N, C-alpha and C. Protein backbone atom coordinates (compact mmCIF):
# COMPACT_ATOMS: atom_id res chain seq x y z
N UNK A 1 139.83 102.25 104.91
CA UNK A 1 139.17 102.66 103.70
C UNK A 1 137.96 101.78 103.41
N UNK A 2 138.08 100.48 103.65
CA UNK A 2 136.97 99.56 103.44
C UNK A 2 136.44 99.09 104.78
N UNK A 3 135.14 98.80 104.84
CA UNK A 3 134.57 98.34 106.10
C UNK A 3 134.65 96.83 106.26
N UNK A 4 135.03 96.10 105.22
CA UNK A 4 135.17 94.65 105.29
C UNK A 4 136.64 94.30 105.36
N UNK A 5 136.94 93.39 106.26
CA UNK A 5 138.36 93.03 106.41
C UNK A 5 138.84 92.21 105.21
N UNK A 6 140.14 92.21 105.02
CA UNK A 6 140.74 91.50 103.89
C UNK A 6 140.50 90.00 104.01
N UNK A 7 140.51 89.48 105.23
CA UNK A 7 140.28 88.04 105.44
C UNK A 7 138.87 87.64 105.01
N UNK A 8 137.88 88.49 105.35
CA UNK A 8 136.50 88.18 104.99
C UNK A 8 136.30 88.22 103.48
N UNK A 9 137.01 89.11 102.82
CA UNK A 9 136.89 89.21 101.36
C UNK A 9 137.52 88.00 100.70
N UNK A 10 138.64 87.54 101.21
CA UNK A 10 139.35 86.43 100.61
C UNK A 10 138.73 85.07 100.94
N UNK A 11 137.83 85.03 101.92
CA UNK A 11 137.24 83.76 102.35
C UNK A 11 136.33 83.19 101.25
N UNK A 12 136.44 81.91 100.99
CA UNK A 12 135.61 81.24 100.00
C UNK A 12 134.32 80.78 100.70
N UNK A 13 133.21 81.34 100.26
CA UNK A 13 131.93 81.01 100.91
C UNK A 13 131.06 80.09 100.05
N UNK A 14 131.41 79.91 98.80
CA UNK A 14 130.63 79.05 97.91
C UNK A 14 131.46 77.85 97.52
N UNK A 15 130.85 76.72 97.63
CA UNK A 15 131.51 75.49 97.21
C UNK A 15 130.62 74.82 96.16
N UNK A 16 131.23 74.42 95.08
CA UNK A 16 130.49 73.74 94.01
C UNK A 16 130.00 72.41 94.53
N UNK A 17 128.72 72.09 94.31
CA UNK A 17 128.21 70.82 94.80
C UNK A 17 128.93 69.64 94.15
N UNK A 18 129.10 68.57 94.90
CA UNK A 18 129.84 67.43 94.35
C UNK A 18 129.02 66.70 93.29
N UNK A 19 129.66 66.42 92.19
CA UNK A 19 129.04 65.64 91.13
C UNK A 19 129.82 64.34 90.98
N UNK A 20 129.15 63.29 90.53
CA UNK A 20 129.88 62.03 90.36
C UNK A 20 130.95 62.15 89.29
N UNK A 21 132.06 61.48 89.56
CA UNK A 21 133.18 61.55 88.63
C UNK A 21 132.96 60.62 87.44
N UNK A 22 132.22 59.56 87.65
CA UNK A 22 131.99 58.58 86.59
C UNK A 22 130.66 58.91 85.88
N UNK A 23 130.62 58.64 84.61
CA UNK A 23 129.41 58.89 83.82
C UNK A 23 128.32 57.86 84.17
N UNK A 24 128.75 56.71 84.64
CA UNK A 24 127.80 55.63 84.94
C UNK A 24 127.01 55.88 86.22
N UNK A 25 127.57 56.67 87.12
CA UNK A 25 126.88 56.96 88.38
C UNK A 25 125.73 57.93 88.12
N UNK A 26 124.64 57.80 88.87
CA UNK A 26 123.51 58.71 88.65
C UNK A 26 123.83 60.12 89.14
N UNK A 27 123.29 61.10 88.44
CA UNK A 27 123.47 62.50 88.82
C UNK A 27 122.53 62.78 90.00
N UNK A 28 123.02 63.44 91.05
CA UNK A 28 122.15 63.71 92.19
C UNK A 28 120.98 64.62 91.79
N UNK A 29 119.82 64.32 92.36
CA UNK A 29 118.63 65.13 92.07
C UNK A 29 118.74 66.45 92.81
N UNK A 30 118.36 67.54 92.15
CA UNK A 30 118.42 68.84 92.84
C UNK A 30 117.34 68.91 93.91
N UNK A 31 117.57 69.70 94.96
CA UNK A 31 116.55 69.81 96.01
C UNK A 31 115.30 70.49 95.46
N UNK A 32 114.19 70.29 96.14
CA UNK A 32 112.94 70.88 95.69
C UNK A 32 113.00 72.39 95.86
N UNK A 33 112.24 73.08 95.04
CA UNK A 33 112.25 74.53 95.07
C UNK A 33 111.71 75.06 96.39
N UNK A 34 110.74 74.37 96.97
CA UNK A 34 110.17 74.83 98.24
C UNK A 34 111.23 74.81 99.35
N UNK A 35 112.11 73.80 99.34
CA UNK A 35 113.18 73.72 100.33
C UNK A 35 114.14 74.90 100.15
N UNK A 36 114.42 75.23 98.89
CA UNK A 36 115.30 76.35 98.60
C UNK A 36 114.69 77.66 99.10
N UNK A 37 113.40 77.87 98.83
CA UNK A 37 112.74 79.10 99.26
C UNK A 37 112.69 79.18 100.78
N UNK A 38 112.41 78.06 101.44
CA UNK A 38 112.41 78.05 102.91
C UNK A 38 113.79 78.39 103.46
N UNK A 39 114.82 77.92 102.78
CA UNK A 39 116.17 78.21 103.26
C UNK A 39 116.50 79.70 103.12
N UNK A 40 115.87 80.38 102.19
CA UNK A 40 116.11 81.81 102.03
C UNK A 40 115.48 82.62 103.15
N UNK A 41 114.27 82.24 103.56
CA UNK A 41 113.53 83.03 104.53
C UNK A 41 113.65 82.53 105.97
N UNK A 42 114.31 81.40 106.17
CA UNK A 42 114.45 80.83 107.50
C UNK A 42 115.72 81.38 108.14
N UNK A 43 115.65 81.80 109.42
CA UNK A 43 116.86 82.33 110.05
C UNK A 43 117.99 81.31 110.12
N UNK A 44 117.66 80.04 110.39
CA UNK A 44 118.70 79.00 110.36
C UNK A 44 118.54 78.23 109.05
N UNK A 45 119.43 78.44 108.12
CA UNK A 45 119.25 77.86 106.79
C UNK A 45 119.29 76.34 106.79
N UNK A 46 118.45 75.79 105.93
CA UNK A 46 118.41 74.33 105.75
C UNK A 46 119.55 73.97 104.80
N UNK A 47 120.38 73.00 105.14
CA UNK A 47 121.48 72.66 104.24
C UNK A 47 120.94 72.04 102.94
N UNK A 48 121.40 72.55 101.83
CA UNK A 48 120.99 72.04 100.53
C UNK A 48 122.09 71.11 100.01
N UNK A 49 121.69 69.94 99.56
CA UNK A 49 122.69 68.98 99.10
C UNK A 49 122.87 69.02 97.58
N UNK A 50 122.15 69.89 96.91
CA UNK A 50 122.27 69.97 95.46
C UNK A 50 122.64 71.37 95.02
N UNK A 51 122.80 71.57 93.72
CA UNK A 51 123.17 72.90 93.23
C UNK A 51 122.02 73.89 93.34
N UNK A 52 122.32 75.11 93.74
CA UNK A 52 121.32 76.15 93.87
C UNK A 52 121.02 76.77 92.50
N UNK A 53 121.95 76.67 91.58
CA UNK A 53 121.79 77.28 90.26
C UNK A 53 120.57 76.76 89.52
N UNK A 54 120.08 75.60 89.92
CA UNK A 54 118.91 75.02 89.27
C UNK A 54 117.73 75.97 89.38
N UNK A 55 117.63 76.72 90.46
CA UNK A 55 116.48 77.57 90.71
C UNK A 55 116.62 78.93 90.03
N UNK A 56 117.77 79.26 89.56
CA UNK A 56 117.99 80.57 88.95
C UNK A 56 117.62 80.60 87.48
N UNK A 57 117.46 79.44 86.86
CA UNK A 57 117.21 79.45 85.42
C UNK A 57 115.89 80.15 85.09
N UNK A 58 114.90 80.10 86.00
CA UNK A 58 113.63 80.78 85.73
C UNK A 58 113.81 82.28 85.78
N UNK A 59 114.63 82.76 86.70
CA UNK A 59 114.83 84.19 86.85
C UNK A 59 115.74 84.76 85.77
N UNK A 60 116.73 83.98 85.35
CA UNK A 60 117.72 84.49 84.42
C UNK A 60 117.36 84.30 82.96
N UNK A 61 116.41 83.42 82.67
CA UNK A 61 116.08 83.17 81.27
C UNK A 61 115.10 84.23 80.77
N UNK A 62 115.14 84.47 79.49
CA UNK A 62 114.34 85.50 78.84
C UNK A 62 112.85 85.12 78.90
N UNK A 63 111.98 86.01 79.43
CA UNK A 63 110.55 85.67 79.49
C UNK A 63 109.90 85.64 78.11
N UNK A 64 110.56 86.19 77.10
CA UNK A 64 110.00 86.22 75.75
C UNK A 64 110.60 85.14 74.86
N UNK A 65 111.30 84.20 75.46
CA UNK A 65 111.92 83.14 74.66
C UNK A 65 110.83 82.24 74.08
N UNK A 66 111.18 81.54 73.01
CA UNK A 66 110.22 80.67 72.35
C UNK A 66 109.70 79.59 73.29
N UNK A 67 110.59 79.02 74.09
CA UNK A 67 110.20 77.94 74.99
C UNK A 67 109.20 78.44 76.03
N UNK A 68 109.43 79.63 76.58
CA UNK A 68 108.51 80.15 77.60
C UNK A 68 107.17 80.53 76.97
N UNK A 69 107.22 81.10 75.77
CA UNK A 69 105.97 81.43 75.08
C UNK A 69 105.18 80.15 74.82
N UNK A 70 105.87 79.13 74.38
CA UNK A 70 105.21 77.85 74.10
C UNK A 70 104.63 77.26 75.38
N UNK A 71 105.37 77.33 76.47
CA UNK A 71 104.88 76.80 77.75
C UNK A 71 103.63 77.56 78.20
N UNK A 72 103.64 78.89 78.05
CA UNK A 72 102.46 79.68 78.42
C UNK A 72 101.27 79.32 77.55
N UNK A 73 101.52 79.15 76.25
CA UNK A 73 100.45 78.79 75.32
C UNK A 73 99.88 77.42 75.65
N UNK A 74 100.76 76.46 75.94
CA UNK A 74 100.31 75.11 76.28
C UNK A 74 99.52 75.12 77.59
N UNK A 75 99.96 75.89 78.57
CA UNK A 75 99.22 75.99 79.83
C UNK A 75 97.85 76.59 79.60
N UNK A 76 97.78 77.59 78.74
CA UNK A 76 96.48 78.21 78.41
C UNK A 76 95.55 77.19 77.73
N UNK A 77 96.11 76.43 76.80
CA UNK A 77 95.30 75.40 76.11
C UNK A 77 94.81 74.35 77.09
N UNK A 78 95.68 73.91 78.01
CA UNK A 78 95.27 72.91 79.00
C UNK A 78 94.17 73.46 79.90
N UNK A 79 94.32 74.74 80.29
CA UNK A 79 93.33 75.35 81.18
C UNK A 79 91.98 75.48 80.48
N UNK A 80 91.98 75.90 79.21
CA UNK A 80 90.71 76.04 78.50
C UNK A 80 90.07 74.67 78.24
N UNK A 81 90.90 73.67 77.96
CA UNK A 81 90.35 72.31 77.75
C UNK A 81 89.75 71.78 79.04
N UNK A 82 90.41 72.03 80.17
CA UNK A 82 89.88 71.60 81.47
C UNK A 82 88.58 72.33 81.78
N UNK A 83 88.52 73.61 81.41
CA UNK A 83 87.31 74.40 81.65
C UNK A 83 86.16 73.85 80.81
N UNK A 84 86.43 73.46 79.55
CA UNK A 84 85.39 72.87 78.70
C UNK A 84 84.91 71.55 79.28
N UNK A 85 85.85 70.73 79.72
CA UNK A 85 85.48 69.42 80.29
C UNK A 85 84.61 69.62 81.53
N UNK A 86 84.97 70.59 82.36
CA UNK A 86 84.21 70.88 83.58
C UNK A 86 82.80 71.36 83.24
N UNK A 87 82.68 72.23 82.24
CA UNK A 87 81.36 72.73 81.82
C UNK A 87 80.49 71.60 81.29
N UNK A 88 81.08 70.73 80.48
CA UNK A 88 80.32 69.61 79.91
C UNK A 88 79.85 68.67 81.01
N UNK A 89 80.75 68.35 81.96
CA UNK A 89 80.37 67.46 83.06
C UNK A 89 79.23 68.06 83.88
N UNK A 90 79.30 69.36 84.13
CA UNK A 90 78.27 70.02 84.92
C UNK A 90 76.92 70.00 84.21
N UNK A 91 76.93 70.26 82.88
CA UNK A 91 75.67 70.28 82.13
C UNK A 91 75.10 68.87 81.96
N UNK A 92 75.97 67.88 81.76
CA UNK A 92 75.49 66.50 81.60
C UNK A 92 74.93 65.98 82.92
N UNK A 93 75.49 66.44 84.03
CA UNK A 93 75.00 66.03 85.34
C UNK A 93 73.57 66.53 85.58
N UNK A 94 73.27 67.75 85.09
CA UNK A 94 71.94 68.34 85.25
C UNK A 94 71.30 68.47 83.87
N UNK A 95 70.71 67.38 83.38
CA UNK A 95 70.15 67.38 82.03
C UNK A 95 68.90 68.25 81.91
N UNK A 96 68.02 68.25 82.91
CA UNK A 96 66.78 69.05 82.92
C UNK A 96 65.94 68.82 81.67
N UNK A 97 65.74 67.56 81.31
CA UNK A 97 64.89 67.21 80.18
C UNK A 97 65.57 67.29 78.83
N UNK A 98 66.85 67.55 78.77
CA UNK A 98 67.57 67.62 77.51
C UNK A 98 68.27 66.30 77.24
N UNK A 99 68.65 66.11 76.00
CA UNK A 99 69.46 64.94 75.69
C UNK A 99 70.91 65.29 76.03
N UNK A 100 71.74 64.26 76.07
CA UNK A 100 73.16 64.48 76.38
C UNK A 100 73.80 65.34 75.30
N UNK A 101 73.40 65.12 74.05
CA UNK A 101 73.96 65.89 72.94
C UNK A 101 73.61 67.38 73.10
N UNK A 102 72.35 67.67 73.46
CA UNK A 102 71.93 69.07 73.65
C UNK A 102 72.67 69.71 74.84
N UNK A 103 72.80 68.93 75.92
CA UNK A 103 73.51 69.44 77.10
C UNK A 103 74.96 69.75 76.76
N UNK A 104 75.59 68.88 75.96
CA UNK A 104 76.97 69.09 75.56
C UNK A 104 77.08 70.35 74.68
N UNK A 105 76.10 70.55 73.79
CA UNK A 105 76.10 71.74 72.94
C UNK A 105 75.92 73.00 73.79
N UNK A 106 75.03 72.95 74.79
CA UNK A 106 74.84 74.09 75.68
C UNK A 106 76.11 74.38 76.48
N UNK A 107 76.76 73.32 76.94
CA UNK A 107 78.00 73.49 77.71
C UNK A 107 79.08 74.12 76.85
N UNK A 108 79.14 73.70 75.59
CA UNK A 108 80.12 74.27 74.67
C UNK A 108 79.84 75.75 74.45
N UNK A 109 78.56 76.11 74.33
CA UNK A 109 78.20 77.52 74.15
C UNK A 109 78.59 78.34 75.39
N UNK A 110 78.28 77.80 76.58
CA UNK A 110 78.63 78.48 77.83
C UNK A 110 80.15 78.64 77.94
N UNK A 111 80.86 77.59 77.59
CA UNK A 111 82.32 77.63 77.64
C UNK A 111 82.88 78.69 76.68
N UNK A 112 82.31 78.75 75.47
CA UNK A 112 82.77 79.74 74.50
C UNK A 112 82.53 81.15 75.03
N UNK A 113 81.38 81.37 75.70
CA UNK A 113 81.09 82.69 76.27
C UNK A 113 82.12 83.04 77.36
N UNK A 114 82.48 82.05 78.18
CA UNK A 114 83.48 82.29 79.23
C UNK A 114 84.83 82.63 78.62
N UNK A 115 85.22 81.89 77.58
CA UNK A 115 86.52 82.13 76.93
C UNK A 115 86.53 83.53 76.31
N UNK A 116 85.43 83.91 75.64
CA UNK A 116 85.35 85.24 75.04
C UNK A 116 85.41 86.33 76.10
N UNK A 117 84.74 86.10 77.23
CA UNK A 117 84.76 87.08 78.33
C UNK A 117 86.17 87.22 78.89
N UNK A 118 86.88 86.09 79.02
CA UNK A 118 88.27 86.14 79.49
C UNK A 118 89.15 86.93 78.52
N UNK A 119 88.93 86.72 77.21
CA UNK A 119 89.70 87.47 76.21
C UNK A 119 89.43 88.96 76.33
N UNK A 120 88.15 89.32 76.48
CA UNK A 120 87.81 90.74 76.62
C UNK A 120 88.44 91.33 77.88
N UNK A 121 88.37 90.56 78.98
CA UNK A 121 88.95 91.04 80.24
C UNK A 121 90.46 91.20 80.11
N UNK A 122 91.11 90.27 79.41
CA UNK A 122 92.55 90.35 79.19
C UNK A 122 92.92 91.57 78.35
N UNK A 123 92.13 91.83 77.30
CA UNK A 123 92.40 93.01 76.47
C UNK A 123 92.23 94.28 77.29
N UNK A 124 91.17 94.33 78.10
CA UNK A 124 90.92 95.50 78.94
C UNK A 124 92.07 95.71 79.94
N UNK A 125 92.52 94.60 80.54
CA UNK A 125 93.61 94.68 81.51
C UNK A 125 94.89 95.18 80.84
N UNK A 126 95.18 94.65 79.65
CA UNK A 126 96.38 95.08 78.93
C UNK A 126 96.26 96.55 78.50
N UNK A 127 95.06 96.96 78.12
CA UNK A 127 94.85 98.35 77.72
C UNK A 127 95.10 99.29 78.90
N UNK A 128 94.60 98.89 80.07
CA UNK A 128 94.80 99.72 81.26
C UNK A 128 96.28 99.73 81.66
N UNK A 129 96.92 98.58 81.58
CA UNK A 129 98.33 98.50 81.95
C UNK A 129 99.21 99.29 80.97
N UNK A 130 98.77 99.34 79.73
CA UNK A 130 99.54 100.03 78.71
C UNK A 130 99.50 101.54 78.90
N UNK A 131 98.48 102.04 79.59
CA UNK A 131 98.37 103.48 79.83
C UNK A 131 97.59 104.19 78.74
N UNK A 132 96.71 103.47 78.04
CA UNK A 132 95.96 104.08 76.95
C UNK A 132 95.05 105.18 77.46
N UNK A 133 94.39 104.95 78.59
CA UNK A 133 93.46 105.95 79.12
C UNK A 133 94.20 107.24 79.47
N UNK A 134 95.32 107.11 80.15
CA UNK A 134 96.09 108.29 80.53
C UNK A 134 96.58 109.02 79.29
N UNK A 135 96.99 108.27 78.27
CA UNK A 135 97.47 108.89 77.04
C UNK A 135 96.34 109.65 76.35
N UNK A 136 95.13 109.07 76.33
CA UNK A 136 93.99 109.75 75.71
C UNK A 136 93.63 111.02 76.49
N UNK A 137 93.70 110.97 77.81
CA UNK A 137 93.40 112.15 78.63
C UNK A 137 94.41 113.26 78.35
N UNK A 138 95.70 112.89 78.29
CA UNK A 138 96.73 113.89 77.98
C UNK A 138 96.54 114.48 76.59
N UNK A 139 96.20 113.62 75.64
CA UNK A 139 96.00 114.09 74.26
C UNK A 139 94.83 115.06 74.19
N UNK A 140 93.75 114.75 74.89
CA UNK A 140 92.58 115.62 74.91
C UNK A 140 92.92 116.97 75.55
N UNK A 141 93.67 116.95 76.66
CA UNK A 141 94.06 118.19 77.33
C UNK A 141 94.94 119.04 76.42
N UNK A 142 95.90 118.42 75.72
CA UNK A 142 96.76 119.17 74.80
C UNK A 142 95.94 119.81 73.69
N UNK A 143 94.98 119.06 73.14
CA UNK A 143 94.15 119.57 72.06
C UNK A 143 93.32 120.76 72.52
N UNK A 144 92.72 120.66 73.71
CA UNK A 144 91.92 121.76 74.26
C UNK A 144 92.80 122.99 74.51
N UNK A 145 93.99 122.79 75.05
CA UNK A 145 94.90 123.90 75.31
C UNK A 145 95.31 124.58 74.01
N UNK A 146 95.57 123.80 72.97
CA UNK A 146 95.95 124.35 71.68
C UNK A 146 94.81 125.18 71.08
N UNK A 147 93.58 124.67 71.15
CA UNK A 147 92.42 125.41 70.64
C UNK A 147 92.21 126.70 71.44
N UNK A 148 92.36 126.64 72.77
CA UNK A 148 92.18 127.83 73.61
C UNK A 148 93.22 128.90 73.26
N UNK A 149 94.47 128.49 73.07
CA UNK A 149 95.52 129.45 72.72
C UNK A 149 95.25 130.07 71.35
N UNK A 150 94.77 129.28 70.42
CA UNK A 150 94.47 129.80 69.08
C UNK A 150 93.33 130.82 69.15
N UNK A 151 92.29 130.53 69.94
CA UNK A 151 91.19 131.49 70.12
C UNK A 151 91.69 132.77 70.75
N UNK A 152 92.56 132.64 71.78
CA UNK A 152 93.12 133.83 72.43
C UNK A 152 93.92 134.67 71.45
N UNK A 153 94.74 134.03 70.62
CA UNK A 153 95.53 134.77 69.63
C UNK A 153 94.63 135.51 68.65
N UNK A 154 93.54 134.85 68.23
CA UNK A 154 92.63 135.50 67.27
C UNK A 154 91.87 136.65 67.91
N UNK A 155 91.45 136.52 69.16
CA UNK A 155 90.71 137.59 69.81
C UNK A 155 91.62 138.76 70.18
N UNK A 156 92.87 138.49 70.46
CA UNK A 156 93.80 139.54 70.84
C UNK A 156 94.49 140.19 69.63
N UNK A 157 94.24 139.66 68.46
CA UNK A 157 94.92 140.17 67.27
C UNK A 157 94.39 141.57 66.95
N UNK A 158 95.30 142.48 66.73
CA UNK A 158 94.94 143.86 66.39
C UNK A 158 95.60 144.21 65.05
N UNK A 159 94.79 144.70 64.13
CA UNK A 159 95.32 145.10 62.84
C UNK A 159 95.72 146.57 62.89
N UNK A 160 96.82 146.89 62.28
CA UNK A 160 97.25 148.28 62.21
C UNK A 160 96.41 149.01 61.16
N UNK A 161 96.26 150.28 61.37
CA UNK A 161 95.53 151.08 60.38
C UNK A 161 96.40 151.25 59.14
N UNK A 162 95.87 150.86 58.03
CA UNK A 162 96.57 150.95 56.74
C UNK A 162 95.62 151.60 55.74
N UNK A 163 96.14 152.22 54.71
CA UNK A 163 95.26 152.92 53.77
C UNK A 163 94.37 152.00 52.94
N UNK A 164 94.77 150.74 52.75
CA UNK A 164 93.97 149.85 51.90
C UNK A 164 92.90 149.08 52.69
N UNK A 165 92.69 149.42 53.97
CA UNK A 165 91.70 148.70 54.77
C UNK A 165 90.41 149.50 54.84
N UNK A 166 89.31 148.77 54.84
CA UNK A 166 88.00 149.40 54.96
C UNK A 166 87.36 148.87 56.22
N UNK A 167 86.89 149.76 57.06
CA UNK A 167 86.18 149.33 58.28
C UNK A 167 84.73 149.14 57.90
N UNK A 168 84.21 147.96 58.05
CA UNK A 168 82.82 147.73 57.64
C UNK A 168 81.85 148.51 58.53
N UNK A 169 80.84 149.00 57.92
CA UNK A 169 79.83 149.72 58.71
C UNK A 169 78.89 148.71 59.34
N UNK A 170 78.18 149.15 60.35
CA UNK A 170 77.25 148.26 61.04
C UNK A 170 76.09 147.92 60.11
N UNK A 171 75.58 146.72 60.18
CA UNK A 171 74.45 146.37 59.31
C UNK A 171 73.22 147.19 59.67
N UNK A 172 72.46 147.50 58.65
CA UNK A 172 71.26 148.28 58.87
C UNK A 172 70.17 147.39 59.47
N UNK A 173 69.49 147.97 60.45
CA UNK A 173 68.37 147.21 61.03
C UNK A 173 67.08 147.75 60.43
N UNK A 174 66.12 146.88 60.07
CA UNK A 174 64.88 147.34 59.41
C UNK A 174 63.91 148.00 60.32
């Protein structure tokens, strides 16, 4: 009934990594993530001397948690600060007849333009990923189809002859 033998199912393949029994002994350092990844893709696995669960916390933790949001925000702040520092260094290196204060002001302006451009690009990327364009196209198609059907209904509408109806005569031409 099953393709796996009972012995293979009952075999223990995972062993908890050894931890020190005393609190005074140092806790073993987990292996580096690169070693873990290499062990996954290498035909002959590299023996890991630490717990593998250390690497799963990134995959199993909520990407919308406060800590992850804060880490993303801090990384963004560090990146923008590094970008400002780089712009200032570049402008101060090439003064071209300006004072250091003017070069720093120009670098700040250039940096602000880059940051604004990144924000616009991010908004555009999120808009495209969200499917706004496709939704607008579908909405436009539905609206056109609705108007076309309404025109068809009005052109195909036939009134029955009733005694209280008057058929207008053609307008007189001069």
